Amino acid sequence: MHFHQSLPKPSTSKAPPAFYRLRDVMRITALSRSTIYRRVAEGRFPSPVHLGGRASAWSSATLQQWIDDPENYGVPTQQA
Protein backbone atom coordinates (compact mmCIF):
# COMPACT_ATOMS: atom_id res chain seq x y z
CA MET A 1 0.00 0.00 0.00
CA HIS A 2 1.32 3.42 -0.93
CA PHE A 3 0.89 6.51 1.22
CA HIS A 4 1.03 9.60 -0.95
CA GLN A 5 0.17 13.09 0.01
CA SER A 6 -1.91 15.40 -2.12
CA LEU A 7 -0.29 18.35 -3.78
CA PRO A 8 0.12 21.27 -1.41
CA LYS A 9 -3.00 23.40 -1.16
CA PRO A 10 -2.65 26.93 -2.44
CA SER A 11 -2.41 29.66 0.12
CA THR A 12 -4.66 32.67 -0.22
CA SER A 13 -1.70 34.78 -1.26
CA LYS A 14 -0.42 32.79 -4.25
CA ALA A 15 -1.48 30.13 -6.74
CA PRO A 16 0.06 26.64 -6.74
CA PRO A 17 2.92 26.08 -9.15
CA ALA A 18 2.00 24.93 -12.64
CA PHE A 19 4.99 22.56 -12.65
CA TYR A 20 7.00 20.60 -10.11
CA ARG A 21 10.70 19.86 -10.49
CA LEU A 22 12.13 16.38 -9.84
CA ARG A 23 13.15 17.13 -6.25
CA ASP A 24 9.57 18.18 -5.43
CA VAL A 25 8.09 15.16 -7.23
CA MET A 26 10.37 12.85 -5.23
CA ARG A 27 9.25 14.51 -1.98
CA ILE A 28 5.55 14.46 -2.86
CA THR A 29 5.45 10.88 -4.13
CA ALA A 30 8.09 9.32 -1.85
CA LEU A 31 9.58 7.68 -4.96
CA SER A 32 13.26 7.67 -5.88
CA ARG A 33 14.59 9.26 -9.05
CA SER A 34 15.22 5.87 -10.66
CA THR A 35 11.74 4.60 -9.77
CA ILE A 36 10.10 7.71 -11.23
CA TYR A 37 11.97 7.41 -14.53
CA ARG A 38 11.42 3.63 -14.71
CA ARG A 39 7.68 4.15 -14.25
CA VAL A 40 7.70 6.94 -16.86
CA ALA A 41 9.29 4.47 -19.31
CA GLU A 42 6.65 1.86 -18.42
CA GLY A 43 3.79 4.36 -18.89
CA ARG A 44 2.86 4.13 -15.20
CA PHE A 45 3.86 7.68 -14.24
CA PRO A 46 3.40 11.04 -16.00
CA SER A 47 6.20 12.15 -18.29
CA PRO A 48 8.01 15.37 -17.53
CA VAL A 49 7.47 18.41 -19.73
CA HIS A 50 10.59 19.90 -21.28
CA LEU A 51 10.77 23.56 -20.31
CA GLY A 52 13.79 24.46 -22.41
CA GLY A 53 17.47 23.65 -22.37
CA ARG A 54 18.03 20.86 -19.87
CA ALA A 55 15.11 21.89 -17.63
CA SER A 56 12.07 19.67 -17.27
CA ALA A 57 9.24 19.41 -14.76
CA TRP A 58 5.94 17.67 -14.13
CA SER A 59 2.60 19.33 -14.72
CA SER A 60 0.74 19.71 -11.43
CA ALA A 61 -2.50 18.51 -13.11
CA THR A 62 -1.02 15.23 -14.42
CA LEU A 63 0.85 14.67 -11.17
CA GLN A 64 -2.42 15.08 -9.26
CA GLN A 65 -4.08 12.48 -11.54
CA TRP A 66 -1.37 9.99 -10.59
CA ILE A 67 -1.67 10.86 -6.88
CA ASP A 68 -5.45 10.35 -7.02
CA ASP A 69 -5.11 6.79 -8.42
CA PRO A 70 -1.51 5.56 -8.77
CA GLU A 71 -2.42 1.89 -9.26
CA ASN A 72 -4.68 2.57 -12.25
CA TYR A 73 -2.77 5.48 -13.76
CA GLY A 74 -1.93 5.06 -17.42
CA VAL A 75 -0.33 7.59 -19.69
CA PRO A 76 -3.01 8.85 -22.09
CA THR A 77 -2.50 7.51 -25.59
CA GLN A 78 -2.67 9.84 -28.55
CA GLN A 79 -5.15 8.95 -31.23
CA ALA A 80 -4.27 9.37 -34.89
PDB file of N, CA and C in Angstrom:
ATOM      1  N   MET A   1       0.849  -1.175   0.000  1.00  0.00           N
ATOM      2  CA  MET A   1       0.000   0.000   0.000  1.00  0.00           C
ATOM      3  C   MET A   1       0.894   1.236   0.000  1.00  0.00           C
ATOM      4  N   HIS A   2       0.536   2.192  -0.820  1.00  0.00           N
ATOM      5  CA  HIS A   2       1.317   3.422  -0.926  1.00  0.00           C
ATOM      6  C   HIS A   2       0.629   4.518  -0.131  1.00  0.00           C
ATOM      7  N   PHE A   3       1.417   5.346   0.516  1.00  0.00           N
ATOM      8  CA  PHE A   3       0.891   6.506   1.219  1.00  0.00           C
ATOM      9  C   PHE A   3       1.451   7.736   0.546  1.00  0.00           C
ATOM     10  N   HIS A   4       0.615   8.404  -0.229  1.00  0.00           N
ATOM     11  CA  HIS A   4       1.031   9.599  -0.951  1.00  0.00           C
ATOM     12  C   HIS A   4       0.238  10.774  -0.419  1.00  0.00           C
ATOM     13  N   GLN A   5       0.865  11.889  -0.409  1.00  0.00           N
ATOM     14  CA  GLN A   5       0.168  13.087   0.007  1.00  0.00           C
ATOM     15  C   GLN A   5      -0.375  13.800  -1.210  1.00  0.00           C
ATOM     16  N   SER A   6      -1.390  14.589  -1.034  1.00  0.00           N
ATOM     17  CA  SER A   6      -1.909  15.405  -2.115  1.00  0.00           C
ATOM     18  C   SER A   6      -0.958  16.563  -2.345  1.00  0.00           C
ATOM     19  N   LEU A   7      -1.097  17.171  -3.498  1.00  0.00           N
ATOM     20  CA  LEU A   7      -0.286  18.347  -3.779  1.00  0.00           C
ATOM     21  C   LEU A   7      -0.604  19.410  -2.742  1.00  0.00           C
ATOM     22  N   PRO A   8       0.364  20.225  -2.408  1.00  0.00           N
ATOM     23  CA  PRO A   8       0.118  21.271  -1.413  1.00  0.00           C
ATOM     24  C   PRO A   8      -1.048  22.163  -1.828  1.00  0.00           C
ATOM     25  N   LYS A   9      -1.873  22.514  -0.885  1.00  0.00           N
ATOM     26  CA  LYS A   9      -3.004  23.401  -1.157  1.00  0.00           C
ATOM     27  C   LYS A   9      -2.491  24.825  -1.318  1.00  0.00           C
ATOM     28  N   PRO A  10      -3.099  25.553  -2.251  1.00  0.00           N
ATOM     29  CA  PRO A  10      -2.647  26.930  -2.440  1.00  0.00           C
ATOM     30  C   PRO A  10      -2.996  27.798  -1.241  1.00  0.00           C
ATOM     31  N   SER A  11      -2.105  28.702  -0.929  1.00  0.00           N
ATOM     32  CA  SER A  11      -2.409  29.663   0.120  1.00  0.00           C
ATOM     33  C   SER A  11      -3.256  30.765  -0.505  1.00  0.00           C
ATOM     34  N   THR A  12      -3.826  31.589   0.316  1.00  0.00           N
ATOM     35  CA  THR A  12      -4.661  32.665  -0.216  1.00  0.00           C
ATOM     36  C   THR A  12      -3.830  33.725  -0.919  1.00  0.00           C
ATOM     37  N   SER A  13      -2.521  33.727  -0.684  1.00  0.00           N
ATOM     38  CA  SER A  13      -1.698  34.782  -1.256  1.00  0.00           C
ATOM     39  C   SER A  13      -1.085  34.428  -2.609  1.00  0.00           C
ATOM     40  N   LYS A  14      -0.994  33.119  -2.943  1.00  0.00           N
ATOM     41  CA  LYS A  14      -0.419  32.785  -4.251  1.00  0.00           C
ATOM     42  C   LYS A  14      -0.967  31.468  -4.770  1.00  0.00           C
ATOM     43  N   ALA A  15      -0.969  31.331  -6.079  1.00  0.00           N
ATOM     44  CA  ALA A  15      -1.481  30.128  -6.736  1.00  0.00           C
ATOM     45  C   ALA A  15      -0.450  29.006  -6.646  1.00  0.00           C
ATOM     46  N   PRO A  16      -0.891  27.753  -6.752  1.00  0.00           N
ATOM     47  CA  PRO A  16       0.059  26.643  -6.736  1.00  0.00           C
ATOM     48  C   PRO A  16       0.916  26.676  -8.004  1.00  0.00           C
ATOM     49  N   PRO A  17       2.081  26.072  -7.949  1.00  0.00           N
ATOM     50  CA  PRO A  17       2.924  26.077  -9.152  1.00  0.00           C
ATOM     51  C   PRO A  17       2.284  25.262 -10.261  1.00  0.00           C
ATOM     52  N   ALA A  18       2.513  25.672 -11.486  1.00  0.00           N
ATOM     53  CA  ALA A  18       1.996  24.930 -12.636  1.00  0.00           C
ATOM     54  C   ALA A  18       2.819  23.669 -12.868  1.00  0.00           C
ATOM     55  N   PHE A  19       4.083  23.691 -12.452  1.00  0.00           N
ATOM     56  CA  PHE A  19       4.991  22.562 -12.654  1.00  0.00           C
ATOM     57  C   PHE A  19       5.788  22.281 -11.388  1.00  0.00           C
ATOM     58  N   TYR A  20       6.152  21.020 -11.226  1.00  0.00           N
ATOM     59  CA  TYR A  20       6.995  20.597 -10.106  1.00  0.00           C
ATOM     60  C   TYR A  20       8.280  20.000 -10.652  1.00  0.00           C
ATOM     61  N   ARG A  21       9.409  20.406 -10.092  1.00  0.00           N
ATOM     62  CA  ARG A  21      10.700  19.857 -10.488  1.00  0.00           C
ATOM     63  C   ARG A  21      10.902  18.490  -9.834  1.00  0.00           C
ATOM     64  N   LEU A  22      11.895  17.742 -10.297  1.00  0.00           N
ATOM     65  CA  LEU A  22      12.129  16.375  -9.840  1.00  0.00           C
ATOM     66  C   LEU A  22      12.238  16.283  -8.324  1.00  0.00           C
ATOM     67  N   ARG A  23      12.977  17.178  -7.706  1.00  0.00           N
ATOM     68  CA  ARG A  23      13.147  17.134  -6.249  1.00  0.00           C
ATOM     69  C   ARG A  23      11.793  17.197  -5.534  1.00  0.00           C
ATOM     70  N   ASP A  24      10.899  18.064  -6.029  1.00  0.00           N
ATOM     71  CA  ASP A  24       9.571  18.176  -5.426  1.00  0.00           C
ATOM     72  C   ASP A  24       8.744  16.918  -5.677  1.00  0.00           C
ATOM     73  N   VAL A  25       8.833  16.371  -6.887  1.00  0.00           N
ATOM     74  CA  VAL A  25       8.095  15.155  -7.226  1.00  0.00           C
ATOM     75  C   VAL A  25       8.554  14.000  -6.338  1.00  0.00           C
ATOM     76  N   MET A  26       9.844  13.894  -6.104  1.00  0.00           N
ATOM     77  CA  MET A  26      10.368  12.851  -5.228  1.00  0.00           C
ATOM     78  C   MET A  26       9.827  13.022  -3.806  1.00  0.00           C
ATOM     79  N   ARG A  27       9.772  14.244  -3.326  1.00  0.00           N
ATOM     80  CA  ARG A  27       9.254  14.509  -1.978  1.00  0.00           C
ATOM     81  C   ARG A  27       7.765  14.205  -1.887  1.00  0.00           C
ATOM     82  N   ILE A  28       6.999  14.637  -2.867  1.00  0.00           N
ATOM     83  CA  ILE A  28       5.546  14.464  -2.857  1.00  0.00           C
ATOM     84  C   ILE A  28       5.154  12.994  -2.975  1.00  0.00           C
ATOM     85  N   THR A  29       5.836  12.262  -3.860  1.00  0.00           N
ATOM     86  CA  THR A  29       5.448  10.875  -4.132  1.00  0.00           C
ATOM     87  C   THR A  29       6.162   9.854  -3.270  1.00  0.00           C
ATOM     88  N   ALA A  30       7.254  10.238  -2.628  1.00  0.00           N
ATOM     89  CA  ALA A  30       8.095   9.317  -1.854  1.00  0.00           C
ATOM     90  C   ALA A  30       8.713   8.245  -2.746  1.00  0.00           C
ATOM     91  N   LEU A  31       8.920   8.577  -4.019  1.00  0.00           N
ATOM     92  CA  LEU A  31       9.585   7.675  -4.958  1.00  0.00           C
ATOM     93  C   LEU A  31      10.997   8.191  -5.235  1.00  0.00           C
ATOM     94  N   SER A  32      11.904   7.268  -5.526  1.00  0.00           N
ATOM     95  CA  SER A  32      13.264   7.666  -5.879  1.00  0.00           C
ATOM     96  C   SER A  32      13.304   8.137  -7.330  1.00  0.00           C
ATOM     97  N   ARG A  33      14.397   8.793  -7.682  1.00  0.00           N
ATOM     98  CA  ARG A  33      14.590   9.264  -9.055  1.00  0.00           C
ATOM     99  C   ARG A  33      14.514   8.108 -10.038  1.00  0.00           C
ATOM    100  N   SER A  34      15.210   7.007  -9.739  1.00  0.00           N
ATOM    101  CA  SER A  34      15.222   5.871 -10.664  1.00  0.00           C
ATOM    102  C   SER A  34      13.844   5.234 -10.799  1.00  0.00           C
ATOM    103  N   THR A  35      13.091   5.169  -9.712  1.00  0.00           N
ATOM    104  CA  THR A  35      11.739   4.598  -9.774  1.00  0.00           C
ATOM    105  C   THR A  35      10.823   5.486 -10.609  1.00  0.00           C
ATOM    106  N   ILE A  36      10.923   6.782 -10.436  1.00  0.00           N
ATOM    107  CA  ILE A  36      10.105   7.710 -11.232  1.00  0.00           C
ATOM    108  C   ILE A  36      10.380   7.511 -12.712  1.00  0.00           C
ATOM    109  N   TYR A  37      11.649   7.531 -13.109  1.00  0.00           N
ATOM    110  CA  TYR A  37      11.969   7.407 -14.530  1.00  0.00           C
ATOM    111  C   TYR A  37      11.675   6.017 -15.082  1.00  0.00           C
ATOM    112  N   ARG A  38      11.788   4.979 -14.254  1.00  0.00           N
ATOM    113  CA  ARG A  38      11.422   3.635 -14.708  1.00  0.00           C
ATOM    114  C   ARG A  38       9.914   3.570 -14.973  1.00  0.00           C
ATOM    115  N   ARG A  39       9.135   4.146 -14.064  1.00  0.00           N
ATOM    116  CA  ARG A  39       7.680   4.149 -14.252  1.00  0.00           C
ATOM    117  C   ARG A  39       7.263   5.019 -15.429  1.00  0.00           C
ATOM    118  N   VAL A  40       7.968   6.113 -15.675  1.00  0.00           N
ATOM    119  CA  VAL A  40       7.698   6.936 -16.862  1.00  0.00           C
ATOM    120  C   VAL A  40       7.898   6.072 -18.109  1.00  0.00           C
ATOM    121  N   ALA A  41       8.996   5.329 -18.156  1.00  0.00           N
ATOM    122  CA  ALA A  41       9.288   4.468 -19.310  1.00  0.00           C
ATOM    123  C   ALA A  41       8.234   3.378 -19.483  1.00  0.00           C
ATOM    124  N   GLU A  42       7.675   2.904 -18.378  1.00  0.00           N
ATOM    125  CA  GLU A  42       6.645   1.856 -18.415  1.00  0.00           C
ATOM    126  C   GLU A  42       5.251   2.417 -18.687  1.00  0.00           C
ATOM    127  N   GLY A  43       5.100   3.741 -18.693  1.00  0.00           N
ATOM    128  CA  GLY A  43       3.793   4.356 -18.888  1.00  0.00           C
ATOM    129  C   GLY A  43       2.948   4.371 -17.629  1.00  0.00           C
ATOM    130  N   ARG A  44       3.585   4.185 -16.474  1.00  0.00           N
ATOM    131  CA  ARG A  44       2.860   4.126 -15.204  1.00  0.00           C
ATOM    132  C   ARG A  44       3.036   5.385 -14.359  1.00  0.00           C
ATOM    133  N   PHE A  45       3.650   6.409 -14.938  1.00  0.00           N
ATOM    134  CA  PHE A  45       3.857   7.677 -14.238  1.00  0.00           C
ATOM    135  C   PHE A  45       3.899   8.767 -15.301  1.00  0.00           C
ATOM    136  N   PRO A  46       3.390   9.957 -15.004  1.00  0.00           N
ATOM    137  CA  PRO A  46       3.401  11.037 -16.002  1.00  0.00           C
ATOM    138  C   PRO A  46       4.811  11.379 -16.477  1.00  0.00           C
ATOM    139  N   SER A  47       4.916  11.714 -17.734  1.00  0.00           N
ATOM    140  CA  SER A  47       6.198  12.148 -18.292  1.00  0.00           C
ATOM    141  C   SER A  47       6.452  13.603 -17.943  1.00  0.00           C
ATOM    142  N   PRO A  48       7.715  13.954 -17.764  1.00  0.00           N
ATOM    143  CA  PRO A  48       8.012  15.372 -17.525  1.00  0.00           C
ATOM    144  C   PRO A  48       7.825  16.185 -18.802  1.00  0.00           C
ATOM    145  N   VAL A  49       7.594  17.459 -18.623  1.00  0.00           N
ATOM    146  CA  VAL A  49       7.467  18.406 -19.725  1.00  0.00           C
ATOM    147  C   VAL A  49       8.799  19.115 -19.858  1.00  0.00           C
ATOM    148  N   HIS A  50       9.329  19.195 -21.069  1.00  0.00           N
ATOM    149  CA  HIS A  50      10.595  19.901 -21.279  1.00  0.00           C
ATOM    150  C   HIS A  50      10.325  21.400 -21.320  1.00  0.00           C
ATOM    151  N   LEU A  51      10.994  22.122 -20.449  1.00  0.00           N
ATOM    152  CA  LEU A  51      10.772  23.557 -20.315  1.00  0.00           C
ATOM    153  C   LEU A  51      11.754  24.383 -21.126  1.00  0.00           C
ATOM    154  N   GLY A  52      12.777  23.750 -21.636  1.00  0.00           N
ATOM    155  CA  GLY A  52      13.793  24.456 -22.409  1.00  0.00           C
ATOM    156  C   GLY A  52      15.170  24.114 -21.887  1.00  0.00           C
ATOM    157  N   GLY A  53      16.119  24.029 -22.776  1.00  0.00           N
ATOM    158  CA  GLY A  53      17.469  23.646 -22.373  1.00  0.00           C
ATOM    159  C   GLY A  53      17.444  22.265 -21.748  1.00  0.00           C
ATOM    160  N   ARG A  54      18.037  22.135 -20.582  1.00  0.00           N
ATOM    161  CA  ARG A  54      18.033  20.856 -19.875  1.00  0.00           C
ATOM    162  C   ARG A  54      16.960  20.784 -18.799  1.00  0.00           C
ATOM    163  N   ALA A  55      16.132  21.821 -18.688  1.00  0.00           N
ATOM    164  CA  ALA A  55      15.115  21.889 -17.634  1.00  0.00           C
ATOM    165  C   ALA A  55      13.857  21.128 -18.022  1.00  0.00           C
ATOM    166  N   SER A  56      13.351  20.340 -17.088  1.00  0.00           N
ATOM    167  CA  SER A  56      12.072  19.675 -17.265  1.00  0.00           C
ATOM    168  C   SER A  56      11.367  19.634 -15.918  1.00  0.00           C
ATOM    169  N   ALA A  57      10.047  19.446 -15.971  1.00  0.00           N
ATOM    170  CA  ALA A  57       9.241  19.410 -14.757  1.00  0.00           C
ATOM    171  C   ALA A  57       7.949  18.662 -15.049  1.00  0.00           C
ATOM    172  N   TRP A  58       7.201  18.386 -13.995  1.00  0.00           N
ATOM    173  CA  TRP A  58       5.937  17.665 -14.132  1.00  0.00           C
ATOM    174  C   TRP A  58       4.781  18.631 -13.953  1.00  0.00           C
ATOM    175  N   SER A  59       3.801  18.521 -14.818  1.00  0.00           N
ATOM    176  CA  SER A  59       2.597  19.330 -14.715  1.00  0.00           C
ATOM    177  C   SER A  59       1.875  18.981 -13.417  1.00  0.00           C
ATOM    178  N   SER A  60       1.434  19.984 -12.687  1.00  0.00           N
ATOM    179  CA  SER A  60       0.736  19.715 -11.432  1.00  0.00           C
ATOM    180  C   SER A  60      -0.566  18.950 -11.677  1.00  0.00           C
ATOM    181  N   ALA A  61      -1.237  19.194 -12.803  1.00  0.00           N
ATOM    182  CA  ALA A  61      -2.497  18.506 -13.107  1.00  0.00           C
ATOM    183  C   ALA A  61      -2.272  17.016 -13.347  1.00  0.00           C
ATOM    184  N   THR A  62      -1.258  16.654 -14.156  1.00  0.00           N
ATOM    185  CA  THR A  62      -1.022  15.231 -14.421  1.00  0.00           C
ATOM    186  C   THR A  62      -0.454  14.539 -13.193  1.00  0.00           C
ATOM    187  N   LEU A  63       0.335  15.241 -12.406  1.00  0.00           N
ATOM    188  CA  LEU A  63       0.855  14.665 -11.171  1.00  0.00           C
ATOM    189  C   LEU A  63      -0.294  14.390 -10.202  1.00  0.00           C
ATOM    190  N   GLN A  64      -1.266  15.287 -10.133  1.00  0.00           N
ATOM    191  CA  GLN A  64      -2.425  15.075  -9.258  1.00  0.00           C
ATOM    192  C   GLN A  64      -3.247  13.878  -9.719  1.00  0.00           C
ATOM    193  N   GLN A  65      -3.368  13.660 -11.036  1.00  0.00           N
ATOM    194  CA  GLN A  65      -4.076  12.481 -11.545  1.00  0.00           C
ATOM    195  C   GLN A  65      -3.412  11.207 -11.038  1.00  0.00           C
ATOM    196  N   TRP A  66      -2.088  11.171 -11.071  1.00  0.00           N
ATOM    197  CA  TRP A  66      -1.374   9.994 -10.586  1.00  0.00           C
ATOM    198  C   TRP A  66      -1.571   9.833  -9.081  1.00  0.00           C
ATOM    199  N   ILE A  67      -1.496  10.914  -8.339  1.00  0.00           N
ATOM    200  CA  ILE A  67      -1.673  10.859  -6.884  1.00  0.00           C
ATOM    201  C   ILE A  67      -3.069  10.343  -6.533  1.00  0.00           C
ATOM    202  N   ASP A  68      -4.070  10.768  -7.292  1.00  0.00           N
ATOM    203  CA  ASP A  68      -5.446  10.351  -7.018  1.00  0.00           C
ATOM    204  C   ASP A  68      -5.653   8.850  -7.214  1.00  0.00           C
ATOM    205  N   ASP A  69      -4.932   8.220  -8.152  1.00  0.00           N
ATOM    206  CA  ASP A  69      -5.107   6.791  -8.419  1.00  0.00           C
ATOM    207  C   ASP A  69      -3.837   6.204  -9.032  1.00  0.00           C
ATOM    208  N   PRO A  70      -2.790   6.025  -8.219  1.00  0.00           N
ATOM    209  CA  PRO A  70      -1.509   5.559  -8.766  1.00  0.00           C
ATOM    210  C   PRO A  70      -1.558   4.145  -9.341  1.00  0.00           C
ATOM    211  N   GLU A  71      -2.374   3.278  -8.789  1.00  0.00           N
ATOM    212  CA  GLU A  71      -2.424   1.891  -9.263  1.00  0.00           C
ATOM    213  C   GLU A  71      -3.048   1.775 -10.647  1.00  0.00           C
ATOM    214  N   ASN A  72      -3.983   2.647 -10.964  1.00  0.00           N
ATOM    215  CA  ASN A  72      -4.683   2.569 -12.246  1.00  0.00           C
ATOM    216  C   ASN A  72      -4.261   3.648 -13.225  1.00  0.00           C
ATOM    217  N   TYR A  73      -3.217   4.417 -12.865  1.00  0.00           N
ATOM    218  CA  TYR A  73      -2.767   5.478 -13.759  1.00  0.00           C
ATOM    219  C   TYR A  73      -2.163   4.874 -15.013  1.00  0.00           C
ATOM    220  N   GLY A  74      -2.528   5.424 -16.139  1.00  0.00           N
ATOM    221  CA  GLY A  74      -1.927   5.060 -17.415  1.00  0.00           C
ATOM    222  C   GLY A  74      -1.732   6.320 -18.220  1.00  0.00           C
ATOM    223  N   VAL A  75      -0.597   6.421 -18.861  1.00  0.00           N
ATOM    224  CA  VAL A  75      -0.327   7.593 -19.686  1.00  0.00           C
ATOM    225  C   VAL A  75      -1.342   7.625 -20.813  1.00  0.00           C
ATOM    226  N   PRO A  76      -2.019   8.757 -21.004  1.00  0.00           N
ATOM    227  CA  PRO A  76      -3.011   8.847 -22.090  1.00  0.00           C
ATOM    228  C   PRO A  76      -2.348   8.583 -23.437  1.00  0.00           C
ATOM    229  N   THR A  77      -3.040   7.805 -24.259  1.00  0.00           N
ATOM    230  CA  THR A  77      -2.504   7.514 -25.592  1.00  0.00           C
ATOM    231  C   THR A  77      -3.054   8.533 -26.565  1.00  0.00           C
ATOM    232  N   GLN A  78      -2.234   8.887 -27.547  1.00  0.00           N
ATOM    233  CA  GLN A  78      -2.670   9.840 -28.551  1.00  0.00           C
ATOM    234  C   GLN A  78      -3.325   9.069 -29.683  1.00  0.00           C
ATOM    235  N   GLN A  79      -4.441   9.603 -30.137  1.00  0.00           N
ATOM    236  CA  GLN A  79      -5.152   8.955 -31.233  1.00  0.00           C
ATOM    237  C   GLN A  79      -4.794   9.635 -32.542  1.00  0.00           C
ATOM    238  N   ALA A  80      -4.651   8.823 -33.583  1.00  0.00           N
ATOM    239  CA  ALA A  80      -4.268   9.365 -34.892  1.00  0.00           C
ATOM    240  C   ALA A  80      -5.448   9.934 -35.631  1.00  0.00           C
TER     241      ALA A  80
END
